[in-house]
Amino acid sequence: MLNIEQPSSVIPTLVGERLKTWGACVRKQRISQKMTALDLCHRLQISHPTLQRLENGGETVSVALYLAAFHILGVMESATPELRPDIWQMRHPAGRVRIKRGDVLYQRPPVESLASLQQ
């Protein structure tokens, strides 16, 4: 049987570290609030193995679940501060940008003839 090596994670290291921190935060907050794993599973509508993956910083767990757990545990604003509007709001929500035929950006470079390519 051919042994094929699995590719390493495509998640950047910084992202993986952040997920592990988020998972540790969920676990610490759940325990400090004396909430059982079963209670949090019920509130999040997930299985116990999924909660274990979440608390371990699993990369396959939906980010929405991490955020929902933060919300349920009351640490949403502390764990994930709201983004500043200048980071995500568009200045000109006009939609598509159209380039007119007369614009320099629209002009295509000249195509070399087939004869010059064969030389």
PDB file of N, CA and C in Angstrom:
ATOM      1  N   MET A   1       0.840  -1.178   0.000  1.00  0.00           N
ATOM      2  CA  MET A   1       0.000   0.000   0.000  1.00  0.00           C
ATOM      3  C   MET A   1       0.890   1.248   0.000  1.00  0.00           C
ATOM      4  N   LEU A   2       0.542   2.222  -0.804  1.00  0.00           N
ATOM      5  CA  LEU A   2       1.309   3.456  -0.931  1.00  0.00           C
ATOM      6  C   LEU A   2       1.020   4.363   0.258  1.00  0.00           C
ATOM      7  N   ASN A   3       2.064   4.836   0.911  1.00  0.00           N
ATOM      8  CA  ASN A   3       1.927   5.716   2.062  1.00  0.00           C
ATOM      9  C   ASN A   3       2.033   7.156   1.579  1.00  0.00           C
ATOM     10  N   ILE A   4       0.906   7.855   1.536  1.00  0.00           N
ATOM     11  CA  ILE A   4       0.874   9.241   1.065  1.00  0.00           C
ATOM     12  C   ILE A   4       0.828  10.156   2.275  1.00  0.00           C
ATOM     13  N   GLU A   5       1.755  11.095   2.317  1.00  0.00           N
ATOM     14  CA  GLU A   5       1.826  12.026   3.430  1.00  0.00           C
ATOM     15  C   GLU A   5       0.715  13.061   3.296  1.00  0.00           C
ATOM     16  N   GLN A   6       0.012  13.308   4.391  1.00  0.00           N
ATOM     17  CA  GLN A   6      -1.047  14.304   4.397  1.00  0.00           C
ATOM     18  C   GLN A   6      -0.431  15.699   4.417  1.00  0.00           C
ATOM     19  N   PRO A   7      -1.028  16.660   3.685  1.00  0.00           N
ATOM     20  CA  PRO A   7      -0.484  18.016   3.706  1.00  0.00           C
ATOM     21  C   PRO A   7      -0.658  18.638   5.085  1.00  0.00           C
ATOM     22  N   SER A   8       0.262  19.506   5.464  1.00  0.00           N
ATOM     23  CA  SER A   8       0.140  20.187   6.747  1.00  0.00           C
ATOM     24  C   SER A   8      -1.005  21.189   6.671  1.00  0.00           C
ATOM     25  N   SER A   9      -1.399  21.684   7.816  1.00  0.00           N
ATOM     26  CA  SER A   9      -2.519  22.608   7.909  1.00  0.00           C
ATOM     27  C   SER A   9      -2.277  23.855   7.059  1.00  0.00           C
ATOM     28  N   VAL A  10      -3.331  24.343   6.437  1.00  0.00           N
ATOM     29  CA  VAL A  10      -3.227  25.570   5.647  1.00  0.00           C
ATOM     30  C   VAL A  10      -3.554  26.790   6.499  1.00  0.00           C
ATOM     31  N   ILE A  11      -3.887  26.538   7.765  1.00  0.00           N
ATOM     32  CA  ILE A  11      -4.188  27.631   8.678  1.00  0.00           C
ATOM     33  C   ILE A  11      -2.870  28.291   9.101  1.00  0.00           C
ATOM     34  N   PRO A  12      -2.746  29.612   8.934  1.00  0.00           N
ATOM     35  CA  PRO A  12      -1.519  30.286   9.382  1.00  0.00           C
ATOM     36  C   PRO A  12      -1.307  30.097  10.888  1.00  0.00           C
ATOM     37  N   THR A  13      -0.067  30.087  11.310  1.00  0.00           N
ATOM     38  CA  THR A  13       0.283  29.860  12.715  1.00  0.00           C
ATOM     39  C   THR A  13      -0.422  30.840  13.640  1.00  0.00           C
ATOM     40  N   LEU A  14      -0.446  32.105  13.272  1.00  0.00           N
ATOM     41  CA  LEU A  14      -1.090  33.112  14.110  1.00  0.00           C
ATOM     42  C   LEU A  14      -2.576  32.806  14.303  1.00  0.00           C
ATOM     43  N   VAL A  15      -3.242  32.347  13.253  1.00  0.00           N
ATOM     44  CA  VAL A  15      -4.662  32.008  13.343  1.00  0.00           C
ATOM     45  C   VAL A  15      -4.854  30.803  14.261  1.00  0.00           C
ATOM     46  N   GLY A  16      -4.008  29.793  14.107  1.00  0.00           N
ATOM     47  CA  GLY A  16      -4.085  28.619  14.974  1.00  0.00           C
ATOM     48  C   GLY A  16      -3.881  28.974  16.437  1.00  0.00           C
ATOM     49  N   GLU A  17      -2.930  29.857  16.693  1.00  0.00           N
ATOM     50  CA  GLU A  17      -2.686  30.300  18.072  1.00  0.00           C
ATOM     51  C   GLU A  17      -3.891  31.059  18.623  1.00  0.00           C
ATOM     52  N   ARG A  18      -4.500  31.888  17.783  1.00  0.00           N
ATOM     53  CA  ARG A  18      -5.684  32.641  18.229  1.00  0.00           C
ATOM     54  C   ARG A  18      -6.834  31.691  18.549  1.00  0.00           C
ATOM     55  N   LEU A  19      -7.036  30.644  17.732  1.00  0.00           N
ATOM     56  CA  LEU A  19      -8.094  29.677  18.004  1.00  0.00           C
ATOM     57  C   LEU A  19      -7.842  28.936  19.322  1.00  0.00           C
ATOM     58  N   LYS A  20      -6.590  28.593  19.586  1.00  0.00           N
ATOM     59  CA  LYS A  20      -6.248  27.921  20.849  1.00  0.00           C
ATOM     60  C   LYS A  20      -6.532  28.848  22.035  1.00  0.00           C
ATOM     61  N   THR A  21      -6.223  30.132  21.885  1.00  0.00           N
ATOM     62  CA  THR A  21      -6.513  31.106  22.937  1.00  0.00           C
ATOM     63  C   THR A  21      -8.011  31.223  23.151  1.00  0.00           C
ATOM     64  N   TRP A  22      -8.771  31.287  22.047  1.00  0.00           N
ATOM     65  CA  TRP A  22     -10.227  31.369  22.157  1.00  0.00           C
ATOM     66  C   TRP A  22     -10.784  30.129  22.855  1.00  0.00           C
ATOM     67  N   GLY A  23     -10.277  28.968  22.484  1.00  0.00           N
ATOM     68  CA  GLY A  23     -10.739  27.727  23.111  1.00  0.00           C
ATOM     69  C   GLY A  23     -10.443  27.710  24.599  1.00  0.00           C
ATOM     70  N   ALA A  24      -9.234  28.136  24.975  1.00  0.00           N
ATOM     71  CA  ALA A  24      -8.866  28.192  26.394  1.00  0.00           C
ATOM     72  C   ALA A  24      -9.760  29.180  27.141  1.00  0.00           C
ATOM     73  N   CYS A  25     -10.108  30.279  26.484  1.00  0.00           N
ATOM     74  CA  CYS A  25     -10.997  31.279  27.086  1.00  0.00           C
ATOM     75  C   CYS A  25     -12.377  30.676  27.347  1.00  0.00           C
ATOM     76  N   VAL A  26     -12.908  29.955  26.366  1.00  0.00           N
ATOM     77  CA  VAL A  26     -14.227  29.330  26.530  1.00  0.00           C
ATOM     78  C   VAL A  26     -14.186  28.360  27.713  1.00  0.00           C
ATOM     79  N   ARG A  27     -13.169  27.524  27.770  1.00  0.00           N
ATOM     80  CA  ARG A  27     -13.058  26.542  28.864  1.00  0.00           C
ATOM     81  C   ARG A  27     -12.934  27.232  30.225  1.00  0.00           C
ATOM     82  N   LYS A  28     -12.047  28.234  30.307  1.00  0.00           N
ATOM     83  CA  LYS A  28     -11.852  28.936  31.582  1.00  0.00           C
ATOM     84  C   LYS A  28     -13.134  29.609  32.040  1.00  0.00           C
ATOM     85  N   GLN A  29     -13.809  30.296  31.132  1.00  0.00           N
ATOM     86  CA  GLN A  29     -15.043  30.998  31.492  1.00  0.00           C
ATOM     87  C   GLN A  29     -16.150  30.017  31.881  1.00  0.00           C
ATOM     88  N   ARG A  30     -16.262  28.914  31.159  1.00  0.00           N
ATOM     89  CA  ARG A  30     -17.287  27.909  31.477  1.00  0.00           C
ATOM     90  C   ARG A  30     -17.064  27.360  32.882  1.00  0.00           C
ATOM     91  N   ILE A  31     -15.813  27.010  33.194  1.00  0.00           N
ATOM     92  CA  ILE A  31     -15.498  26.440  34.503  1.00  0.00           C
ATOM     93  C   ILE A  31     -15.657  27.483  35.610  1.00  0.00           C
ATOM     94  N   SER A  32     -15.172  28.711  35.366  1.00  0.00           N
ATOM     95  CA  SER A  32     -15.265  29.755  36.399  1.00  0.00           C
ATOM     96  C   SER A  32     -16.713  30.147  36.678  1.00  0.00           C
ATOM     97  N   GLN A  33     -17.580  29.969  35.686  1.00  0.00           N
ATOM     98  CA  GLN A  33     -19.004  30.261  35.882  1.00  0.00           C
ATOM     99  C   GLN A  33     -19.779  29.035  36.366  1.00  0.00           C
ATOM    100  N   LYS A  34     -19.035  27.960  36.674  1.00  0.00           N
ATOM    101  CA  LYS A  34     -19.619  26.710  37.167  1.00  0.00           C
ATOM    102  C   LYS A  34     -20.676  26.144  36.213  1.00  0.00           C
ATOM    103  N   MET A  35     -20.396  26.281  34.925  1.00  0.00           N
ATOM    104  CA  MET A  35     -21.283  25.731  33.903  1.00  0.00           C
ATOM    105  C   MET A  35     -20.706  24.390  33.463  1.00  0.00           C
ATOM    106  N   THR A  36     -21.531  23.374  33.426  1.00  0.00           N
ATOM    107  CA  THR A  36     -21.042  22.070  32.994  1.00  0.00           C
ATOM    108  C   THR A  36     -20.888  22.049  31.475  1.00  0.00           C
ATOM    109  N   ALA A  37     -20.071  21.117  31.019  1.00  0.00           N
ATOM    110  CA  ALA A  37     -19.894  20.963  29.573  1.00  0.00           C
ATOM    111  C   ALA A  37     -21.231  20.634  28.930  1.00  0.00           C
ATOM    112  N   LEU A  38     -22.022  19.803  29.601  1.00  0.00           N
ATOM    113  CA  LEU A  38     -23.332  19.423  29.066  1.00  0.00           C
ATOM    114  C   LEU A  38     -24.248  20.635  28.927  1.00  0.00           C
ATOM    115  N   ASP A  39     -24.211  21.536  29.914  1.00  0.00           N
ATOM    116  CA  ASP A  39     -25.036  22.752  29.838  1.00  0.00           C
ATOM    117  C   ASP A  39     -24.642  23.619  28.648  1.00  0.00           C
ATOM    118  N   LEU A  40     -23.326  23.810  28.456  1.00  0.00           N
ATOM    119  CA  LEU A  40     -22.882  24.642  27.333  1.00  0.00           C
ATOM    120  C   LEU A  40     -23.200  23.964  26.005  1.00  0.00           C
ATOM    121  N   CYS A  41     -23.042  22.653  25.946  1.00  0.00           N
ATOM    122  CA  CYS A  41     -23.415  21.908  24.729  1.00  0.00           C
ATOM    123  C   CYS A  41     -24.885  22.134  24.398  1.00  0.00           C
ATOM    124  N   HIS A  42     -25.720  22.053  25.421  1.00  0.00           N
ATOM    125  CA  HIS A  42     -27.160  22.241  25.220  1.00  0.00           C
ATOM    126  C   HIS A  42     -27.460  23.653  24.717  1.00  0.00           C
ATOM    127  N   ARG A  43     -26.810  24.660  25.319  1.00  0.00           N
ATOM    128  CA  ARG A  43     -27.060  26.050  24.925  1.00  0.00           C
ATOM    129  C   ARG A  43     -26.556  26.333  23.511  1.00  0.00           C
ATOM    130  N   LEU A  44     -25.435  25.700  23.134  1.00  0.00           N
ATOM    131  CA  LEU A  44     -24.880  25.900  21.787  1.00  0.00           C
ATOM    132  C   LEU A  44     -25.490  24.947  20.756  1.00  0.00           C
ATOM    133  N   GLN A  45     -26.244  23.951  21.239  1.00  0.00           N
ATOM    134  CA  GLN A  45     -26.846  22.921  20.384  1.00  0.00           C
ATOM    135  C   GLN A  45     -25.772  22.163  19.607  1.00  0.00           C
ATOM    136  N   ILE A  46     -24.742  21.708  20.346  1.00  0.00           N
ATOM    137  CA  ILE A  46     -23.646  20.947  19.754  1.00  0.00           C
ATOM    138  C   ILE A  46     -23.406  19.690  20.590  1.00  0.00           C
ATOM    139  N   SER A  47     -22.644  18.766  20.053  1.00  0.00           N
ATOM    140  CA  SER A  47     -22.298  17.544  20.772  1.00  0.00           C
ATOM    141  C   SER A  47     -21.107  17.800  21.700  1.00  0.00           C
ATOM    142  N   HIS A  48     -20.902  16.885  22.630  1.00  0.00           N
ATOM    143  CA  HIS A  48     -19.776  17.009  23.551  1.00  0.00           C
ATOM    144  C   HIS A  48     -18.432  16.943  22.817  1.00  0.00           C
ATOM    145  N   PRO A  49     -18.252  16.030  21.827  1.00  0.00           N
ATOM    146  CA  PRO A  49     -16.982  16.039  21.087  1.00  0.00           C
ATOM    147  C   PRO A  49     -16.700  17.369  20.376  1.00  0.00           C
ATOM    148  N   THR A  50     -17.752  18.026  19.890  1.00  0.00           N
ATOM    149  CA  THR A  50     -17.564  19.330  19.241  1.00  0.00           C
ATOM    150  C   THR A  50     -17.116  20.366  20.265  1.00  0.00           C
ATOM    151  N   LEU A  51     -17.694  20.325  21.465  1.00  0.00           N
ATOM    152  CA  LEU A  51     -17.269  21.248  22.519  1.00  0.00           C
ATOM    153  C   LEU A  51     -15.810  20.981  22.895  1.00  0.00           C
ATOM    154  N   GLN A  52     -15.422  19.722  22.951  1.00  0.00           N
ATOM    155  CA  GLN A  52     -14.026  19.400  23.255  1.00  0.00           C
ATOM    156  C   GLN A  52     -13.089  19.980  22.192  1.00  0.00           C
ATOM    157  N   ARG A  53     -13.473  19.840  20.914  1.00  0.00           N
ATOM    158  CA  ARG A  53     -12.650  20.417  19.842  1.00  0.00           C
ATOM    159  C   ARG A  53     -12.593  21.940  19.969  1.00  0.00           C
ATOM    160  N   LEU A  54     -13.729  22.557  20.302  1.00  0.00           N
ATOM    161  CA  LEU A  54     -13.787  24.008  20.462  1.00  0.00           C
ATOM    162  C   LEU A  54     -12.860  24.447  21.596  1.00  0.00           C
ATOM    163  N   GLU A  55     -12.938  23.783  22.745  1.00  0.00           N
ATOM    164  CA  GLU A  55     -12.123  24.172  23.897  1.00  0.00           C
ATOM    165  C   GLU A  55     -10.634  23.883  23.683  1.00  0.00           C
ATOM    166  N   ASN A  56     -10.319  23.010  22.731  1.00  0.00           N
ATOM    167  CA  ASN A  56      -8.926  22.736  22.392  1.00  0.00           C
ATOM    168  C   ASN A  56      -8.421  23.612  21.252  1.00  0.00           C
ATOM    169  N   GLY A  57      -9.265  24.529  20.770  1.00  0.00           N
ATOM    170  CA  GLY A  57      -8.857  25.430  19.696  1.00  0.00           C
ATOM    171  C   GLY A  57      -8.877  24.784  18.332  1.00  0.00           C
ATOM    172  N   GLY A  58      -9.787  23.847  18.146  1.00  0.00           N
ATOM    173  CA  GLY A  58      -9.875  23.115  16.884  1.00  0.00           C
ATOM    174  C   GLY A  58     -10.098  24.011  15.682  1.00  0.00           C
ATOM    175  N   GLU A  59      -9.336  23.735  14.621  1.00  0.00           N
ATOM    176  CA  GLU A  59      -9.428  24.525  13.395  1.00  0.00           C
ATOM    177  C   GLU A  59     -10.686  24.213  12.591  1.00  0.00           C
ATOM    178  N   THR A  60     -11.282  23.052  12.839  1.00  0.00           N
ATOM    179  CA  THR A  60     -12.461  22.666  12.057  1.00  0.00           C
ATOM    180  C   THR A  60     -13.763  23.160  12.674  1.00  0.00           C
ATOM    181  N   VAL A  61     -13.681  23.753  13.851  1.00  0.00           N
ATOM    182  CA  VAL A  61     -14.869  24.287  14.509  1.00  0.00           C
ATOM    183  C   VAL A  61     -15.212  25.637  13.892  1.00  0.00           C
ATOM    184  N   SER A  62     -16.475  25.848  13.623  1.00  0.00           N
ATOM    185  CA  SER A  62     -16.922  27.098  13.024  1.00  0.00           C
ATOM    186  C   SER A  62     -16.600  28.288  13.930  1.00  0.00           C
ATOM    187  N   VAL A  63     -16.137  29.360  13.325  1.00  0.00           N
ATOM    188  CA  VAL A  63     -15.874  30.582  14.086  1.00  0.00           C
ATOM    189  C   VAL A  63     -17.169  31.077  14.720  1.00  0.00           C
ATOM    190  N   ALA A  64     -18.288  30.821  14.072  1.00  0.00           N
ATOM    191  CA  ALA A  64     -19.590  31.217  14.630  1.00  0.00           C
ATOM    192  C   ALA A  64     -19.822  30.536  15.981  1.00  0.00           C
ATOM    193  N   LEU A  65     -19.357  29.295  16.136  1.00  0.00           N
ATOM    194  CA  LEU A  65     -19.512  28.609  17.426  1.00  0.00           C
ATOM    195  C   LEU A  65     -18.663  29.265  18.510  1.00  0.00           C
ATOM    196  N   TYR A  66     -17.434  29.646  18.164  1.00  0.00           N
ATOM    197  CA  TYR A  66     -16.604  30.350  19.143  1.00  0.00           C
ATOM    198  C   TYR A  66     -17.310  31.638  19.586  1.00  0.00           C
ATOM    199  N   LEU A  67     -17.811  32.394  18.620  1.00  0.00           N
ATOM    200  CA  LEU A  67     -18.477  33.659  18.937  1.00  0.00           C
ATOM    201  C   LEU A  67     -19.754  33.433  19.744  1.00  0.00           C
ATOM    202  N   ALA A  68     -20.517  32.391  19.407  1.00  0.00           N
ATOM    203  CA  ALA A  68     -21.734  32.070  20.161  1.00  0.00           C
ATOM    204  C   ALA A  68     -21.385  31.688  21.602  1.00  0.00           C
ATOM    205  N   ALA A  69     -20.310  30.935  21.778  1.00  0.00           N
ATOM    206  CA  ALA A  69     -19.877  30.559  23.128  1.00  0.00           C
ATOM    207  C   ALA A  69     -19.482  31.804  23.917  1.00  0.00           C
ATOM    208  N   PHE A  70     -18.735  32.714  23.290  1.00  0.00           N
ATOM    209  CA  PHE A  70     -18.372  33.960  23.970  1.00  0.00           C
ATOM    210  C   PHE A  70     -19.622  34.728  24.391  1.00  0.00           C
ATOM    211  N   HIS A  71     -20.600  34.772  23.508  1.00  0.00           N
ATOM    212  CA  HIS A  71     -21.850  35.491  23.796  1.00  0.00           C
ATOM    213  C   HIS A  71     -22.572  34.852  24.977  1.00  0.00           C
ATOM    214  N   ILE A  72     -22.712  33.542  24.963  1.00  0.00           N
ATOM    215  CA  ILE A  72     -23.397  32.830  26.043  1.00  0.00           C
ATOM    216  C   ILE A  72     -22.663  33.030  27.370  1.00  0.00           C
ATOM    217  N   LEU A  73     -21.340  33.031  27.315  1.00  0.00           N
ATOM    218  CA  LEU A  73     -20.543  33.173  28.534  1.00  0.00           C
ATOM    219  C   LEU A  73     -20.364  34.629  28.964  1.00  0.00           C
ATOM    220  N   GLY A  74     -20.872  35.564  28.157  1.00  0.00           N
ATOM    221  CA  GLY A  74     -20.842  36.981  28.519  1.00  0.00           C
ATOM    222  C   GLY A  74     -19.490  37.658  28.350  1.00  0.00           C
ATOM    223  N   VAL A  75     -18.643  37.124  27.469  1.00  0.00           N
ATOM    224  CA  VAL A  75     -17.315  37.722  27.267  1.00  0.00           C
ATOM    225  C   VAL A  75     -17.091  38.151  25.815  1.00  0.00           C
ATOM    226  N   MET A  76     -18.159  38.306  25.079  1.00  0.00           N
ATOM    227  CA  MET A  76     -18.056  38.636  23.653  1.00  0.00           C
ATOM    228  C   MET A  76     -17.244  39.905  23.417  1.00  0.00           C
ATOM    229  N   GLU A  77     -17.548  40.982  24.124  1.00  0.00           N
ATOM    230  CA  GLU A  77     -16.859  42.260  23.894  1.00  0.00           C
ATOM    231  C   GLU A  77     -15.396  42.195  24.321  1.00  0.00           C
ATOM    232  N   SER A  78     -15.105  41.461  25.386  1.00  0.00           N
ATOM    233  CA  SER A  78     -13.721  41.351  25.853  1.00  0.00           C
ATOM    234  C   SER A  78     -12.889  40.457  24.936  1.00  0.00           C
ATOM    235  N   ALA A  79     -13.478  39.342  24.504  1.00  0.00           N
ATOM    236  CA  ALA A  79     -12.741  38.360  23.702  1.00  0.00           C
ATOM    237  C   ALA A  79     -12.597  38.782  22.250  1.00  0.00           C
ATOM    238  N   THR A  80     -13.609  39.444  21.717  1.00  0.00           N
ATOM    239  CA  THR A  80     -13.579  39.866  20.309  1.00  0.00           C
ATOM    240  C   THR A  80     -14.120  41.283  20.201  1.00  0.00           C
ATOM    241  N   PRO A  81     -13.262  42.282  20.443  1.00  0.00           N
ATOM    242  CA  PRO A  81     -13.737  43.668  20.378  1.00  0.00           C
ATOM    243  C   PRO A  81     -14.292  44.011  18.996  1.00  0.00           C
ATOM    244  N   GLU A  82     -15.239  44.908  18.986  1.00  0.00           N
ATOM    245  CA  GLU A  82     -15.869  45.328  17.725  1.00  0.00           C
ATOM    246  C   GLU A  82     -14.838  46.012  16.836  1.00  0.00           C
ATOM    247  N   LEU A  83     -14.899  45.727  15.546  1.00  0.00           N
ATOM    248  CA  LEU A  83     -13.966  46.339  14.595  1.00  0.00           C
ATOM    249  C   LEU A  83     -14.287  47.811  14.401  1.00  0.00           C
ATOM    250  N   ARG A  84     -13.234  48.609  14.235  1.00  0.00           N
ATOM    251  CA  ARG A  84     -13.432  50.024  13.930  1.00  0.00           C
ATOM    252  C   ARG A  84     -14.081  50.131  12.548  1.00  0.00           C
ATOM    253  N   PRO A  85     -15.011  51.061  12.370  1.00  0.00           N
ATOM    254  CA  PRO A  85     -15.687  51.200  11.072  1.00  0.00           C
ATOM    255  C   PRO A  85     -14.741  51.457   9.902  1.00  0.00           C
ATOM    256  N   ASP A  86     -13.617  52.145  10.130  1.00  0.00           N
ATOM    257  CA  ASP A  86     -12.711  52.449   9.015  1.00  0.00           C
ATOM    258  C   ASP A  86     -12.049  51.189   8.460  1.00  0.00           C
ATOM    259  N   ILE A  87     -12.086  50.096   9.198  1.00  0.00           N
ATOM    260  CA  ILE A  87     -11.498  48.848   8.717  1.00  0.00           C
ATOM    261  C   ILE A  87     -12.424  48.126   7.746  1.00  0.00           C
ATOM    262  N   TRP A  88     -13.742  48.226   7.962  1.00  0.00           N
ATOM    263  CA  TRP A  88     -14.656  47.422   7.155  1.00  0.00           C
ATOM    264  C   TRP A  88     -15.680  48.206   6.339  1.00  0.00           C
ATOM    265  N   GLN A  89     -15.931  49.465   6.665  1.00  0.00           N
ATOM    266  CA  GLN A  89     -16.924  50.221   5.899  1.00  0.00           C
ATOM    267  C   GLN A  89     -16.315  50.755   4.612  1.00  0.00           C
ATOM    268  N   MET A  90     -17.079  50.670   3.536  1.00  0.00           N
ATOM    269  CA  MET A  90     -16.652  51.199   2.244  1.00  0.00           C
ATOM    270  C   MET A  90     -16.897  52.710   2.218  1.00  0.00           C
ATOM    271  N   ARG A  91     -15.964  53.443   1.646  1.00  0.00           N
ATOM    272  CA  ARG A  91     -16.142  54.893   1.538  1.00  0.00           C
ATOM    273  C   ARG A  91     -17.191  55.240   0.494  1.00  0.00           C
ATOM    274  N   HIS A  92     -17.128  54.545  -0.639  1.00  0.00           N
ATOM    275  CA  HIS A  92     -18.051  54.814  -1.734  1.00  0.00           C
ATOM    276  C   HIS A  92     -18.790  53.523  -2.076  1.00  0.00           C
ATOM    277  N   PRO A  93     -19.909  53.297  -1.436  1.00  0.00           N
ATOM    278  CA  PRO A  93     -20.638  52.059  -1.730  1.00  0.00           C
ATOM    279  C   PRO A  93     -21.384  52.143  -3.054  1.00  0.00           C
ATOM    280  N   ALA A  94     -20.701  52.599  -4.100  1.00  0.00           N
ATOM    281  CA  ALA A  94     -21.340  52.788  -5.399  1.00  0.00           C
ATOM    282  C   ALA A  94     -21.487  51.485  -6.163  1.00  0.00           C
ATOM    283  N   GLY A  95     -20.831  50.453  -5.729  1.00  0.00           N
ATOM    284  CA  GLY A  95     -20.931  49.187  -6.444  1.00  0.00           C
ATOM    285  C   GLY A  95     -19.757  48.990  -7.367  1.00  0.00           C
ATOM    286  N   ARG A  96     -20.028  48.529  -8.573  1.00  0.00           N
ATOM    287  CA  ARG A  96     -18.972  48.221  -9.533  1.00  0.00           C
ATOM    288  C   ARG A  96     -18.295  49.472 -10.061  1.00  0.00           C
ATOM    289  N   VAL A  97     -17.043  49.333 -10.374  1.00  0.00           N
ATOM    290  CA  VAL A  97     -16.302  50.413 -11.025  1.00  0.00           C
ATOM    291  C   VAL A  97     -16.166  50.019 -12.486  1.00  0.00           C
ATOM    292  N   ARG A  98     -16.646  50.877 -13.373  1.00  0.00           N
ATOM    293  CA  ARG A  98     -16.590  50.580 -14.803  1.00  0.00           C
ATOM    294  C   ARG A  98     -15.492  51.403 -15.458  1.00  0.00           C
ATOM    295  N   ILE A  99     -14.755  50.753 -16.325  1.00  0.00           N
ATOM    296  CA  ILE A  99     -13.694  51.430 -17.071  1.00  0.00           C
ATOM    297  C   ILE A  99     -14.217  51.711 -18.465  1.00  0.00           C
ATOM    298  N   LYS A 100     -14.066  52.952 -18.904  1.00  0.00           N
ATOM    299  CA  LYS A 100     -14.556  53.344 -20.220  1.00  0.00           C
ATOM    300  C   LYS A 100     -13.537  52.974 -21.284  1.00  0.00           C
ATOM    301  N   ARG A 101     -13.998  52.772 -22.501  1.00  0.00           N
ATOM    302  CA  ARG A 101     -13.124  52.370 -23.600  1.00  0.00           C
ATOM    303  C   ARG A 101     -11.994  53.354 -23.868  1.00  0.00           C
ATOM    304  N   GLY A 102     -12.198  54.605 -23.644  1.00  0.00           N
ATOM    305  CA  GLY A 102     -11.186  55.608 -23.928  1.00  0.00           C
ATOM    306  C   GLY A 102     -10.086  55.684 -22.876  1.00  0.00           C
ATOM    307  N   ASP A 103     -10.323  55.079 -21.716  1.00  0.00           N
ATOM    308  CA  ASP A 103      -9.340  55.134 -20.634  1.00  0.00           C
ATOM    309  C   ASP A 103      -8.081  54.359 -20.999  1.00  0.00           C
ATOM    310  N   VAL A 104      -6.946  54.836 -20.511  1.00  0.00           N
ATOM    311  CA  VAL A 104      -5.666  54.184 -20.764  1.00  0.00           C
ATOM    312  C   VAL A 104      -5.673  52.771 -20.184  1.00  0.00           C
ATOM    313  N   LEU A 105      -6.330  52.570 -19.051  1.00  0.00           N
ATOM    314  CA  LEU A 105      -6.364  51.254 -18.415  1.00  0.00           C
ATOM    315  C   LEU A 105      -7.107  50.225 -19.269  1.00  0.00           C
ATOM    316  N   TYR A 106      -8.007  50.698 -20.110  1.00  0.00           N
ATOM    317  CA  TYR A 106      -8.809  49.775 -20.904  1.00  0.00           C
ATOM    318  C   TYR A 106      -8.048  49.248 -22.116  1.00  0.00           C
ATOM    319  N   GLN A 107      -7.114  50.029 -22.628  1.00  0.00           N
ATOM    320  CA  GLN A 107      -6.431  49.655 -23.854  1.00  0.00           C
ATOM    321  C   GLN A 107      -5.614  48.388 -23.663  1.00  0.00           C
ATOM    322  N   ARG A 108      -5.766  47.482 -24.596  1.00  0.00           N
ATOM    323  CA  ARG A 108      -5.034  46.224 -24.547  1.00  0.00           C
ATOM    324  C   ARG A 108      -3.678  46.393 -25.209  1.00  0.00           C
ATOM    325  N   PRO A 109      -2.692  45.651 -24.723  1.00  0.00           N
ATOM    326  CA  PRO A 109      -1.385  45.732 -25.382  1.00  0.00           C
ATOM    327  C   PRO A 109      -1.473  45.144 -26.781  1.00  0.00           C
ATOM    328  N   PRO A 110      -0.633  45.622 -27.701  1.00  0.00           N
ATOM    329  CA  PRO A 110      -0.697  45.102 -29.067  1.00  0.00           C
ATOM    330  C   PRO A 110      -0.310  43.619 -29.091  1.00  0.00           C
ATOM    331  N   VAL A 111      -0.996  42.857 -29.900  1.00  0.00           N
ATOM    332  CA  VAL A 111      -0.723  41.432 -30.034  1.00  0.00           C
ATOM    333  C   VAL A 111       0.313  41.258 -31.127  1.00  0.00           C
ATOM    334  N   GLU A 112       1.369  40.523 -30.811  1.00  0.00           N
ATOM    335  CA  GLU A 112       2.409  40.268 -31.812  1.00  0.00           C
ATOM    336  C   GLU A 112       1.864  39.324 -32.848  1.00  0.00           C
ATOM    337  N   SER A 113       2.330  39.510 -34.061  1.00  0.00           N
ATOM    338  CA  SER A 113       1.865  38.632 -35.114  1.00  0.00           C
ATOM    339  C   SER A 113       2.475  37.254 -34.955  1.00  0.00           C
ATOM    340  N   LEU A 114       1.845  36.261 -35.493  1.00  0.00           N
ATOM    341  CA  LEU A 114       2.288  34.886 -35.414  1.00  0.00           C
ATOM    342  C   LEU A 114       3.662  34.732 -36.087  1.00  0.00           C
ATOM    343  N   ALA A 115       3.914  35.493 -37.141  1.00  0.00           N
ATOM    344  CA  ALA A 115       5.198  35.399 -37.858  1.00  0.00           C
ATOM    345  C   ALA A 115       6.353  35.839 -36.963  1.00  0.00           C
ATOM    346  N   SER A 116       6.160  36.884 -36.176  1.00  0.00           N
ATOM    347  CA  SER A 116       7.244  37.362 -35.320  1.00  0.00           C
ATOM    348  C   SER A 116       7.521  36.393 -34.177  1.00  0.00           C
ATOM    349  N   LEU A 117       6.526  35.636 -33.739  1.00  0.00           N
ATOM    350  CA  LEU A 117       6.716  34.653 -32.681  1.00  0.00           C
ATOM    351  C   LEU A 117       7.472  33.418 -33.155  1.00  0.00           C
ATOM    352  N   GLN A 118       7.355  33.105 -34.432  1.00  0.00           N
ATOM    353  CA  GLN A 118       7.991  31.919 -34.969  1.00  0.00           C
ATOM    354  C   GLN A 118       9.478  32.119 -35.230  1.00  0.00           C
ATOM    355  N   GLN A 119       9.945  33.353 -35.264  1.00  0.00           N
ATOM    356  CA  GLN A 119      11.346  33.628 -35.563  1.00  0.00           C
ATOM    357  C   GLN A 119      12.256  33.391 -34.412  1.00  0.00           C
TER     358      GLN A 119
END
